[in-house]
């Protein structure tokens, strides 16, 4: 019997992909928003492709704000973009 592959939807391109191919954006219980490349950080998570264009689409559509039910300042988006480009 094959093991089930967990699928998640990218907030930018809206495609369903295997969870391991996506990067998790997490809002911690303290309210901090960051990229979680390992997928193990505690908090509410949303997923984007490892592509800066998908992150830009998610920002433009305010998909992260809807996923986390809070306003996200531009500084946070800038920080997420830097982390995405650096691959930290």
Protein backbone atom coordinates (compact mmCIF):
# COMPACT_ATOMS: atom_id res chain seq x y z
CA UNK A 1 0.00 0.00 0.00
CA UNK A 2 1.41 3.39 -1.01
CA UNK A 3 1.83 6.15 1.50
CA UNK A 4 -0.51 9.11 0.94
CA UNK A 5 1.27 12.29 -0.21
CA UNK A 6 -0.07 15.39 1.59
CA UNK A 7 -1.10 18.10 -0.87
CA UNK A 8 -1.34 21.85 -0.22
CA UNK A 9 -2.49 24.79 -2.34
CA UNK A 10 -0.10 27.62 -3.19
CA UNK A 11 -1.57 31.01 -2.27
CA UNK A 12 0.01 32.63 -5.33
CA UNK A 13 -0.68 30.35 -8.30
CA UNK A 14 -3.50 28.43 -6.55
CA UNK A 15 -2.12 25.06 -7.74
CA UNK A 16 -2.26 21.93 -5.60
CA UNK A 17 1.24 20.56 -5.07
CA UNK A 18 2.90 18.08 -2.71
CA UNK A 19 3.59 19.71 0.66
CA UNK A 20 7.35 19.07 0.41
CA UNK A 21 7.60 21.20 -2.78
CA UNK A 22 6.13 24.29 -1.09
CA UNK A 23 7.44 26.77 1.47
CA UNK A 24 5.38 27.40 4.58
CA UNK A 25 4.66 30.95 5.71
CA UNK A 26 3.89 30.81 9.41
CA UNK A 27 2.30 33.20 11.91
CA UNK A 28 3.63 32.30 15.33
CA UNK A 29 1.47 32.45 18.47
CA UNK A 30 3.24 35.76 19.26
CA UNK A 31 2.10 37.20 15.92
CA UNK A 32 5.44 37.11 14.08
CA UNK A 33 5.24 36.17 10.39
CA UNK A 34 8.16 34.39 8.73
CA UNK A 35 9.10 31.72 6.20
CA UNK A 36 9.44 28.21 7.59
CA UNK A 37 11.60 26.21 5.18
CA UNK A 38 11.56 23.07 7.36
CA UNK A 39 7.78 23.12 7.91
CA UNK A 40 8.11 22.43 11.64
CA UNK A 41 7.56 25.83 13.28
CA UNK A 42 4.53 26.15 15.54
CA UNK A 43 1.71 28.44 14.49
CA UNK A 44 -0.77 28.98 11.68
CA UNK A 45 0.66 28.10 8.29
CA UNK A 46 0.01 28.95 4.65
CA UNK A 47 1.95 27.71 1.64
CA UNK A 48 3.61 29.31 -1.40
CA UNK A 49 5.78 27.93 -4.19
CA UNK A 50 9.54 28.54 -3.86
CA UNK A 51 9.18 31.25 -6.49
CA UNK A 52 9.23 35.01 -5.87
CA UNK A 53 6.46 35.47 -8.47
CA UNK A 54 4.04 33.32 -6.44
CA UNK A 55 4.81 35.34 -3.32
CA UNK A 56 4.14 38.56 -5.27
CA UNK A 57 0.81 37.19 -6.52
CA UNK A 58 -0.17 36.22 -2.96
CA UNK A 59 0.74 39.72 -1.73
CA UNK A 60 -1.19 41.40 -4.55
CA UNK A 61 -4.29 39.29 -3.87
CA UNK A 62 -3.93 39.80 -0.09
CA UNK A 63 -4.08 36.02 0.28
CA UNK A 64 -1.74 35.99 3.29
CA UNK A 65 -3.90 38.54 5.11
CA UNK A 66 -6.97 36.37 4.53
CA UNK A 67 -5.15 33.20 5.58
CA UNK A 68 -3.92 34.75 8.84
CA UNK A 69 -6.96 36.98 9.48
CA UNK A 70 -4.80 40.02 10.23
CA UNK A 71 -3.32 43.08 8.55
CA UNK A 72 0.26 42.55 7.38
CA UNK A 73 2.49 45.64 7.08
CA UNK A 74 4.67 46.17 3.98
CA UNK A 75 7.84 45.65 6.05
CA UNK A 76 6.81 42.03 6.66
CA UNK A 77 6.29 41.45 2.94
CA UNK A 78 9.72 42.97 2.23
CA UNK A 79 11.29 40.68 4.83
CA UNK A 80 9.54 37.62 3.36
CA UNK A 81 10.75 38.57 -0.12
CA UNK A 82 14.35 38.90 1.14
CA UNK A 83 14.15 35.53 2.89
CA UNK A 84 12.71 33.92 -0.25
CA UNK A 85 15.54 35.27 -2.41
CA UNK A 86 18.19 34.29 0.14
CA UNK A 87 16.70 30.83 0.63
CA UNK A 88 17.29 31.03 4.39
